[in-house]
Amino acid sequence: MASFPDLRPGSRSAKAESEAARRKRTPVLLAVSAALLLTAFLAVSELATLRGAKAHDASAFLTRELDPPLDHAPLVRTPARSGSSA
């Protein structure tokens, strides 16, 4: 083994490998963080726009499809009296 210096572990090799791993990991972490931040921003902006014109379009669609609400309809319903109880 003494005649093969390449096979002997050096004291510096562990540190060099960990620093190289950190250097490779940093850009990946930055890219993943940026992608997550962009996704969160887009999701929040899309959710915020649901209160705008899209909400009015939905109520107009429902009014058109289901007819407008009746002004004379009671808001509270009372059950009809029947002879048998279920």
C-alpha atoms as a PDB file:
ATOM      1  CA  MET A   1       0.000   0.000   0.000  1.00  0.00           C
ATOM      2  CA  ALA A   2       2.869   2.344   0.684  1.00  0.00           C
ATOM      3  CA  SER A   3       3.890   2.214  -2.955  1.00  0.00           C
ATOM      4  CA  PHE A   4       0.378   3.354  -4.103  1.00  0.00           C
ATOM      5  CA  PRO A   5      -0.129   6.868  -2.741  1.00  0.00           C
ATOM      6  CA  ASP A   6      -3.371   7.262  -4.707  1.00  0.00           C
ATOM      7  CA  LEU A   7      -5.049   4.635  -2.524  1.00  0.00           C
ATOM      8  CA  ARG A   8      -4.285   6.382   0.745  1.00  0.00           C
ATOM      9  CA  PRO A   9      -7.088   8.606   1.973  1.00  0.00           C
ATOM     10  CA  GLY A  10      -5.954  12.156   2.399  1.00  0.00           C
ATOM     11  CA  SER A  11      -6.977  14.306   5.328  1.00  0.00           C
ATOM     12  CA  ARG A  12      -8.247  16.987   2.989  1.00  0.00           C
ATOM     13  CA  SER A  13     -10.447  14.829   0.752  1.00  0.00           C
ATOM     14  CA  ALA A  14     -13.485  14.717   3.071  1.00  0.00           C
ATOM     15  CA  LYS A  15     -13.552  18.480   3.386  1.00  0.00           C
ATOM     16  CA  ALA A  16     -13.095  18.984  -0.325  1.00  0.00           C
ATOM     17  CA  GLU A  17     -15.974  16.647  -1.130  1.00  0.00           C
ATOM     18  CA  SER A  18     -18.358  18.300   1.328  1.00  0.00           C
ATOM     19  CA  GLU A  19     -17.518  21.764  -0.034  1.00  0.00           C
ATOM     20  CA  ALA A  20     -18.080  20.554  -3.583  1.00  0.00           C
ATOM     21  CA  ALA A  21     -21.421  19.077  -2.589  1.00  0.00           C
ATOM     22  CA  ARG A  22     -22.436  22.395  -0.996  1.00  0.00           C
ATOM     23  CA  ARG A  23     -21.449  24.303  -4.114  1.00  0.00           C
ATOM     24  CA  LYS A  24     -23.578  22.019  -6.301  1.00  0.00           C
ATOM     25  CA  ARG A  25     -26.520  22.086  -3.893  1.00  0.00           C
ATOM     26  CA  THR A  26     -26.792  25.886  -3.570  1.00  0.00           C
ATOM     27  CA  PRO A  27     -27.982  26.640  -7.146  1.00  0.00           C
ATOM     28  CA  VAL A  28     -30.483  23.798  -6.961  1.00  0.00           C
ATOM     29  CA  LEU A  29     -31.911  25.098  -3.690  1.00  0.00           C
ATOM     30  CA  LEU A  30     -32.144  28.598  -5.132  1.00  0.00           C
ATOM     31  CA  ALA A  31     -33.946  27.327  -8.228  1.00  0.00           C
ATOM     32  CA  VAL A  32     -36.414  25.245  -6.201  1.00  0.00           C
ATOM     33  CA  SER A  33     -37.068  28.146  -3.833  1.00  0.00           C
ATOM     34  CA  ALA A  34     -37.674  30.517  -6.738  1.00  0.00           C
ATOM     35  CA  ALA A  35     -40.055  28.061  -8.395  1.00  0.00           C
ATOM     36  CA  LEU A  36     -42.047  27.606  -5.171  1.00  0.00           C
ATOM     37  CA  LEU A  37     -42.216  31.352  -4.613  1.00  0.00           C
ATOM     38  CA  LEU A  38     -43.423  31.942  -8.170  1.00  0.00           C
ATOM     39  CA  THR A  39     -46.053  29.214  -7.841  1.00  0.00           C
ATOM     40  CA  ALA A  40     -47.325  30.674  -4.568  1.00  0.00           C
ATOM     41  CA  PHE A  41     -47.480  34.166  -6.092  1.00  0.00           C
ATOM     42  CA  LEU A  42     -49.445  32.944  -9.106  1.00  0.00           C
ATOM     43  CA  ALA A  43     -51.853  30.957  -6.919  1.00  0.00           C
ATOM     44  CA  VAL A  44     -52.557  33.954  -4.689  1.00  0.00           C
ATOM     45  CA  SER A  45     -53.059  36.277  -7.645  1.00  0.00           C
ATOM     46  CA  GLU A  46     -55.489  33.833  -9.286  1.00  0.00           C
ATOM     47  CA  LEU A  47     -57.462  33.424  -6.072  1.00  0.00           C
ATOM     48  CA  ALA A  48     -57.622  37.204  -5.631  1.00  0.00           C
ATOM     49  CA  THR A  49     -59.168  37.685  -9.064  1.00  0.00           C
ATOM     50  CA  LEU A  50     -62.114  35.401  -8.262  1.00  0.00           C
ATOM     51  CA  ARG A  51     -63.797  38.288  -6.459  1.00  0.00           C
ATOM     52  CA  GLY A  52     -63.766  40.498  -9.533  1.00  0.00           C
ATOM     53  CA  ALA A  53     -65.744  40.156 -12.743  1.00  0.00           C
ATOM     54  CA  LYS A  54     -65.785  36.371 -12.635  1.00  0.00           C
ATOM     55  CA  ALA A  55     -67.950  36.383  -9.491  1.00  0.00           C
ATOM     56  CA  HIS A  56     -70.510  38.646 -11.194  1.00  0.00           C
ATOM     57  CA  ASP A  57     -70.545  36.417 -14.238  1.00  0.00           C
ATOM     58  CA  ALA A  58     -71.400  33.449 -12.039  1.00  0.00           C
ATOM     59  CA  SER A  59     -74.349  35.222 -10.382  1.00  0.00           C
ATOM     60  CA  ALA A  60     -75.648  36.394 -13.775  1.00  0.00           C
ATOM     61  CA  PHE A  61     -75.395  32.826 -15.066  1.00  0.00           C
ATOM     62  CA  LEU A  62     -77.303  31.458 -12.069  1.00  0.00           C
ATOM     63  CA  THR A  63     -80.008  34.115 -12.400  1.00  0.00           C
ATOM     64  CA  ARG A  64     -80.392  33.344 -16.088  1.00  0.00           C
ATOM     65  CA  GLU A  65     -80.535  29.570 -15.570  1.00  0.00           C
ATOM     66  CA  LEU A  66     -82.562  29.406 -12.347  1.00  0.00           C
ATOM     67  CA  ASP A  67     -84.797  32.485 -12.786  1.00  0.00           C
ATOM     68  CA  PRO A  68     -84.554  35.538 -10.544  1.00  0.00           C
ATOM     69  CA  PRO A  69     -85.441  35.194  -6.853  1.00  0.00           C
ATOM     70  CA  LEU A  70     -89.057  35.793  -5.862  1.00  0.00           C
ATOM     71  CA  ASP A  71     -89.699  38.866  -3.732  1.00  0.00           C
ATOM     72  CA  HIS A  72     -92.855  37.494  -2.132  1.00  0.00           C
ATOM     73  CA  ALA A  73     -91.463  34.082  -1.121  1.00  0.00           C
ATOM     74  CA  PRO A  74     -91.118  33.610   2.655  1.00  0.00           C
ATOM     75  CA  LEU A  75     -87.589  33.196   3.965  1.00  0.00           C
ATOM     76  CA  VAL A  76     -88.656  30.776   6.689  1.00  0.00           C
ATOM     77  CA  ARG A  77     -90.605  27.649   5.872  1.00  0.00           C
ATOM     78  CA  THR A  78     -92.851  25.894   8.340  1.00  0.00           C
ATOM     79  CA  PRO A  79     -93.567  22.192   7.936  1.00  0.00           C
ATOM     80  CA  ALA A  80     -97.090  21.231   6.951  1.00  0.00           C
ATOM     81  CA  ARG A  81     -99.167  19.583   9.660  1.00  0.00           C
ATOM     82  CA  SER A  82     -99.928  15.978   8.916  1.00  0.00           C
ATOM     83  CA  GLY A  83    -101.697  13.260  10.831  1.00  0.00           C
ATOM     84  CA  SER A  84     -98.770  10.846  10.919  1.00  0.00           C
ATOM     85  CA  SER A  85     -95.362  11.596  12.322  1.00  0.00           C
ATOM     86  CA  ALA A  86     -92.389  10.096  10.585  1.00  0.00           C
END
